[in-house]
Amino acid sequence: MLRGLYTATAGMLTQQRRTEMLSNNMANSQTPGYKADQGSVRAFPEMLLQRLDNKSVPTVNGTNFGGMTPIGSINTGVYLQELSNQYIQGGLKETGLKSDVALVEENVPFNPETNIKGALLFAVETATGDERYTRNGNFSLDNNGILLSNGNIVLSADGQPISIQTSNYEINSNGEVFNLDLPADEQFLGQIDVRYEADVRNLVKEGNGLYRTADEGVLPTAIGNGNIQYNLRQNYVENSTVDVGRTYTDMMTAYRSFEANQKVLQAYDRSMDKAANEIGRLR
């Protein structure tokens, strides 16, 4: 009886975690550059049941040993495998804001070990001075003209902030920023850095659209890498990769599955209560 109890509980915990994942995706469906989480529901190994001493096995000296007869196998529950991100290119949305920049991947190599395409990200510096990475190109300028992404400093190719002291500026497809109010030989302000991660499994979400590396290493720049092609689109942002309709349907499915496992658990609870309090009672 307890096997069924454990199986139903495992199902409830799995659907609860899946609902949390889907809810987080839904909440970030409008977050620029957000990559949706995904997870796979896996079954625990099946348990083989056999009946003991069901038949005799004769030996050469005439004695018999009890044998075993296979009955069948039963499932022992499910679990939600580790979450992974959908590192795919999101659609573009025109905003008309000069500070908005969409990172568009054109050619990114596949990892030969995992056969999964690598990822390109902007490099930013947080308020604590740590280097992190993001796909959120919804940039803005602070009061000092420093280019920011969600409050974090956008780093240039030389690892420094990019200061834009004018409203008349341009960002080209290579991420180079120009002050159009200055003479041609003085217009260059810096180049927005783009980093490359060959193994996306090494990226860990931190919240607020930020990523860090699991090994705490620093990602190499994609600038000048002949195997990587990308371009930056000013006045655009990259949409979230969340499919709202599919996510809503999956949430309803997870909720119904949770309810079904809950009813099974309640049935087991009633059976155990009856076994403990009613069976064998003397009247």
Protein backbone atom coordinates (compact mmCIF):
# COMPACT_ATOMS: atom_id res chain seq x y z
CA MET A 1 0.00 0.00 0.00
CA LEU A 2 2.82 2.42 0.85
CA ARG A 3 4.25 2.03 -2.64
CA GLY A 4 1.12 3.64 -4.07
CA LEU A 5 1.33 6.37 -1.45
CA TYR A 6 4.90 7.19 -2.44
CA THR A 7 4.07 7.08 -6.15
CA ALA A 8 1.17 9.53 -5.78
CA THR A 9 3.29 11.84 -3.62
CA ALA A 10 6.10 11.81 -6.18
CA GLY A 11 3.56 12.73 -8.86
CA MET A 12 2.27 15.67 -6.82
CA LEU A 13 5.77 17.00 -6.11
CA THR A 14 6.69 16.67 -9.78
CA GLN A 15 3.64 18.60 -10.97
CA GLN A 16 4.16 21.24 -8.28
CA ARG A 17 7.70 21.86 -9.48
CA ARG A 18 6.56 21.84 -13.10
CA THR A 19 3.87 24.41 -12.30
CA GLU A 20 6.47 26.65 -10.64
CA MET A 21 8.64 26.44 -13.76
CA LEU A 22 5.73 27.24 -16.08
CA SER A 23 4.55 30.11 -13.85
CA ASN A 24 8.01 31.65 -13.99
CA ASN A 25 7.99 31.35 -17.78
CA MET A 26 4.55 32.99 -17.96
CA ALA A 27 5.67 35.84 -15.70
CA ASN A 28 8.60 36.54 -18.05
CA SER A 29 6.70 36.24 -21.31
CA GLN A 30 7.21 39.97 -21.93
CA THR A 31 10.78 40.19 -20.62
CA PRO A 32 13.17 41.09 -23.48
CA GLY A 33 15.69 38.35 -24.22
CA TYR A 34 14.24 35.89 -21.70
CA LYS A 35 14.94 32.24 -22.48
CA ALA A 36 12.16 29.87 -21.39
CA ASP A 37 12.91 27.04 -18.97
CA GLN A 38 11.98 23.52 -19.93
CA GLY A 39 12.06 20.22 -18.06
CA SER A 40 11.30 16.59 -18.80
CA VAL A 41 9.24 14.32 -16.55
CA ARG A 42 11.04 11.00 -16.08
CA ALA A 43 9.93 7.78 -14.41
CA PHE A 44 11.88 6.13 -11.63
CA PRO A 45 13.11 2.60 -12.48
CA GLU A 46 10.37 -0.03 -12.51
CA MET A 47 10.24 -2.59 -9.70
CA LEU A 48 10.01 -6.27 -10.67
CA LEU A 49 7.70 -8.36 -8.46
CA GLN A 50 8.10 -12.12 -8.08
CA ARG A 51 6.22 -14.75 -6.08
CA LEU A 52 8.50 -16.76 -3.77
CA ASP A 53 8.28 -20.52 -3.09
CA ASN A 54 5.68 -20.88 -5.80
CA LYS A 55 7.17 -23.91 -7.52
CA SER A 56 9.76 -26.51 -6.71
CA VAL A 57 13.06 -26.89 -8.50
CA PRO A 58 14.32 -30.54 -8.33
CA THR A 59 18.01 -31.27 -7.75
CA VAL A 60 20.17 -34.28 -8.59
CA ASN A 61 19.90 -35.69 -5.06
CA GLY A 62 16.11 -35.60 -5.04
CA THR A 63 15.57 -32.53 -2.85
CA ASN A 64 13.44 -29.62 -3.96
CA PHE A 65 14.16 -25.92 -3.62
CA GLY A 66 11.52 -23.23 -3.69
CA GLY A 67 11.42 -21.27 -6.90
CA MET A 68 10.17 -17.84 -7.95
CA THR A 69 7.48 -16.92 -10.44
CA PRO A 70 7.55 -13.45 -12.03
CA ILE A 71 4.37 -11.49 -11.36
CA GLY A 72 5.14 -8.32 -13.27
CA SER A 73 6.58 -4.85 -12.79
CA ILE A 74 5.19 -1.70 -11.19
CA ASN A 75 6.12 1.95 -11.55
CA THR A 76 7.66 3.65 -8.54
CA GLY A 77 6.89 7.27 -9.36
CA VAL A 78 8.12 10.15 -11.50
CA TYR A 79 10.39 13.16 -11.10
CA LEU A 80 11.12 16.36 -13.01
CA GLN A 81 14.53 16.15 -14.58
CA GLU A 82 16.86 19.13 -14.17
CA LEU A 83 15.69 22.31 -15.86
CA SER A 84 17.33 23.62 -19.00
CA ASN A 85 16.95 26.81 -21.00
CA GLN A 86 15.76 27.14 -24.58
CA TYR A 87 18.72 29.01 -26.02
CA ILE A 88 17.05 29.83 -29.30
CA GLN A 89 16.78 33.13 -31.11
CA GLY A 90 13.74 35.13 -30.08
CA GLY A 91 11.72 37.28 -32.44
CA LEU A 92 12.48 40.99 -32.83
CA LYS A 93 10.24 43.85 -31.77
CA GLU A 94 10.80 47.39 -32.99
CA THR A 95 10.65 49.94 -30.17
CA GLY A 96 11.99 53.08 -31.83
CA LEU A 97 14.26 53.70 -28.82
CA LYS A 98 17.88 54.41 -29.70
CA SER A 99 19.14 52.69 -26.57
CA ASP A 100 17.43 49.37 -27.39
CA VAL A 101 19.66 46.76 -29.03
CA ALA A 102 18.70 43.25 -30.15
CA LEU A 103 21.41 40.59 -30.41
CA VAL A 104 20.77 38.52 -33.54
CA GLU A 105 22.67 35.27 -33.97
CA GLU A 106 23.56 34.42 -37.56
CA ASN A 107 26.05 31.59 -37.15
CA VAL A 108 26.98 30.05 -33.80
CA PRO A 109 28.93 26.75 -33.70
CA PHE A 110 27.46 23.58 -32.24
CA ASN A 111 29.26 21.97 -29.32
CA PRO A 112 30.78 18.72 -30.67
CA GLU A 113 30.26 16.93 -27.34
CA THR A 114 26.60 17.83 -26.78
CA ASN A 115 25.52 18.68 -30.35
CA ILE A 116 23.86 21.77 -28.86
CA LYS A 117 24.45 25.23 -30.28
CA GLY A 118 26.41 27.66 -28.14
CA ALA A 119 25.04 30.98 -26.85
CA LEU A 120 25.90 34.65 -27.30
CA LEU A 121 25.28 37.15 -24.51
CA PHE A 122 25.98 40.74 -23.51
CA ALA A 123 28.51 41.24 -20.71
CA VAL A 124 27.45 43.46 -17.79
CA GLU A 125 28.82 44.52 -14.43
CA THR A 126 26.48 44.35 -11.44
CA ALA A 127 26.29 46.79 -8.54
CA THR A 128 28.58 44.46 -6.55
CA GLY A 129 31.25 44.56 -9.26
CA ASP A 130 30.63 41.02 -10.49
CA GLU A 131 30.61 40.21 -14.18
CA ARG A 132 27.41 38.64 -15.40
CA TYR A 133 25.76 37.97 -18.76
CA THR A 134 22.36 38.77 -20.26
CA ARG A 135 20.32 38.74 -23.46
CA ASN A 136 18.23 41.71 -22.34
CA GLY A 137 19.00 44.47 -24.82
CA ASN A 138 16.45 46.88 -23.34
CA PHE A 139 19.27 49.32 -22.56
CA SER A 140 19.00 52.76 -21.00
CA LEU A 141 21.25 55.67 -20.03
CA ASP A 142 21.73 56.81 -16.45
CA ASN A 143 22.17 60.42 -15.37
CA ASN A 144 25.86 60.24 -16.26
CA GLY A 145 25.23 58.84 -19.73
CA ILE A 146 26.43 55.32 -18.86
CA LEU A 147 24.79 52.55 -20.90
CA LEU A 148 22.86 50.17 -18.62
CA SER A 149 20.91 46.92 -18.93
CA ASN A 150 18.30 46.62 -16.19
CA GLY A 151 20.50 48.71 -13.87
CA ASN A 152 23.72 46.85 -14.69
CA ILE A 153 26.61 48.48 -16.57
CA VAL A 154 26.97 47.27 -20.15
CA LEU A 155 30.63 46.46 -20.77
CA SER A 156 32.56 47.41 -23.87
CA ALA A 157 35.10 45.23 -25.68
CA ASP A 158 37.85 46.65 -23.45
CA GLY A 159 35.89 45.86 -20.27
CA GLN A 160 34.89 49.45 -19.54
CA PRO A 161 31.51 51.23 -19.31
CA ILE A 162 30.26 53.02 -22.42
CA SER A 163 29.59 56.71 -21.81
CA ILE A 164 27.18 58.43 -24.22
CA GLN A 165 26.95 62.16 -23.57
CA THR A 166 24.51 62.96 -26.35
CA SER A 167 21.08 62.02 -27.64
CA ASN A 168 22.43 61.98 -31.20
CA TYR A 169 24.22 58.64 -31.29
CA GLU A 170 24.25 55.49 -33.37
CA ILE A 171 24.98 51.81 -32.71
CA ASN A 172 25.98 49.84 -35.80
CA SER A 173 25.62 46.11 -36.49
CA ASN A 174 29.01 45.38 -34.89
CA GLY A 175 27.99 47.07 -31.66
CA GLU A 176 30.19 50.11 -32.23
CA VAL A 177 28.77 53.27 -30.65
CA PHE A 178 29.26 56.67 -32.30
CA ASN A 179 28.58 60.23 -31.13
CA LEU A 180 27.26 61.88 -34.29
CA ASP A 181 27.71 65.38 -32.83
CA LEU A 182 31.50 65.05 -32.95
CA PRO A 183 33.91 65.17 -35.90
CA ALA A 184 34.23 61.87 -37.79
CA ASP A 185 37.60 60.99 -36.27
CA GLU A 186 36.28 61.53 -32.72
CA GLN A 187 32.85 59.86 -32.94
CA PHE A 188 33.80 56.36 -31.74
CA LEU A 189 32.78 55.82 -28.08
CA GLY A 190 33.31 52.08 -27.70
CA GLN A 191 32.06 48.69 -28.86
CA ILE A 192 29.41 46.69 -27.01
CA ASP A 193 30.99 43.40 -25.98
CA VAL A 194 29.35 40.09 -26.91
CA ARG A 195 30.51 36.92 -25.14
CA TYR A 196 30.38 33.31 -26.30
CA GLU A 197 29.55 30.20 -24.27
CA ALA A 198 30.28 26.96 -26.14
CA ASP A 199 28.48 24.75 -23.60
CA VAL A 200 25.13 26.24 -22.57
CA ARG A 201 24.91 23.74 -19.70
CA ASN A 202 27.54 25.90 -17.99
CA LEU A 203 25.15 28.87 -17.78
CA VAL A 204 23.22 29.33 -14.53
CA LYS A 205 20.25 31.68 -14.17
CA GLU A 206 20.49 34.19 -11.33
CA GLY A 207 17.26 36.13 -11.81
CA ASN A 208 16.60 39.55 -13.36
CA GLY A 209 17.69 38.16 -16.72
CA LEU A 210 21.26 37.52 -15.56
CA TYR A 211 23.45 34.47 -16.03
CA ARG A 212 26.70 33.35 -14.47
CA THR A 213 28.98 30.47 -15.33
CA ALA A 214 28.76 27.35 -13.18
CA ASP A 215 32.55 27.12 -13.06
CA GLU A 216 32.82 30.85 -12.16
CA GLY A 217 34.94 31.38 -15.27
CA VAL A 218 34.90 34.40 -17.58
CA LEU A 219 33.39 33.88 -21.01
CA PRO A 220 35.55 34.75 -24.03
CA THR A 221 34.53 37.52 -26.39
CA ALA A 222 32.90 36.69 -29.70
CA ILE A 223 34.38 39.80 -31.32
CA GLY A 224 36.95 38.77 -33.91
CA ASN A 225 35.99 35.08 -33.76
CA GLY A 226 35.80 33.99 -37.39
CA ASN A 227 33.54 31.03 -36.57
CA ILE A 228 30.81 33.25 -35.10
CA GLN A 229 28.60 35.69 -36.96
CA TYR A 230 26.06 38.01 -35.35
CA ASN A 231 24.73 41.51 -35.67
CA LEU A 232 23.18 44.06 -33.34
CA ARG A 233 19.95 45.83 -34.30
CA GLN A 234 19.46 49.28 -32.83
CA ASN A 235 15.85 50.34 -32.06
CA TYR A 236 14.85 46.69 -31.53
CA VAL A 237 14.64 44.26 -28.61
CA GLU A 238 14.61 40.48 -28.68
CA ASN A 239 11.32 38.97 -27.55
CA SER A 240 11.04 36.28 -24.90
CA THR A 241 11.02 32.70 -26.23
CA VAL A 242 7.98 31.83 -24.08
CA ASP A 243 5.00 30.51 -26.06
CA VAL A 244 2.14 31.90 -23.96
CA GLY A 245 -0.57 29.66 -25.42
CA ARG A 246 1.46 26.48 -25.03
CA THR A 247 2.55 27.46 -21.53
CA TYR A 248 -1.04 28.09 -20.44
CA THR A 249 -2.11 24.68 -21.78
CA ASP A 250 0.81 22.97 -20.02
CA MET A 251 -0.10 24.70 -16.75
CA MET A 252 -3.67 23.40 -16.96
CA THR A 253 -2.38 19.89 -17.69
CA ALA A 254 -0.01 20.04 -14.72
CA TYR A 255 -2.81 21.28 -12.46
CA ARG A 256 -5.16 18.46 -13.49
CA SER A 257 -2.41 15.90 -13.01
CA PHE A 258 -1.71 17.30 -9.55
CA GLU A 259 -5.41 17.00 -8.69
CA ALA A 260 -5.53 13.39 -9.89
CA ASN A 261 -2.53 12.41 -7.77
CA GLN A 262 -4.05 14.27 -4.83
CA LYS A 263 -7.25 12.21 -5.07
CA VAL A 264 -5.20 8.99 -5.17
CA LEU A 265 -3.30 10.12 -2.08
CA GLN A 266 -6.54 10.90 -0.26
CA ALA A 267 -7.91 7.45 -1.14
CA TYR A 268 -4.79 5.79 0.30
CA ASP A 269 -5.07 7.95 3.40
CA ARG A 270 -8.67 6.84 3.97
CA SER A 271 -7.70 3.18 3.47
CA MET A 272 -4.84 3.46 5.97
CA ASP A 273 -7.13 5.20 8.46
CA LYS A 274 -9.63 2.36 8.16
CA ALA A 275 -6.88 -0.25 8.53
CA ALA A 276 -5.55 1.41 11.65
CA ASN A 277 -8.83 2.22 13.39
CA GLU A 278 -11.50 -0.21 12.20
CA ILE A 279 -10.03 -3.54 11.07
CA GLY A 280 -9.83 -5.96 13.98
CA ARG A 281 -12.02 -3.85 16.26
CA LEU A 282 -14.00 -5.93 18.75
CA ARG A 283 -17.64 -5.04 19.21
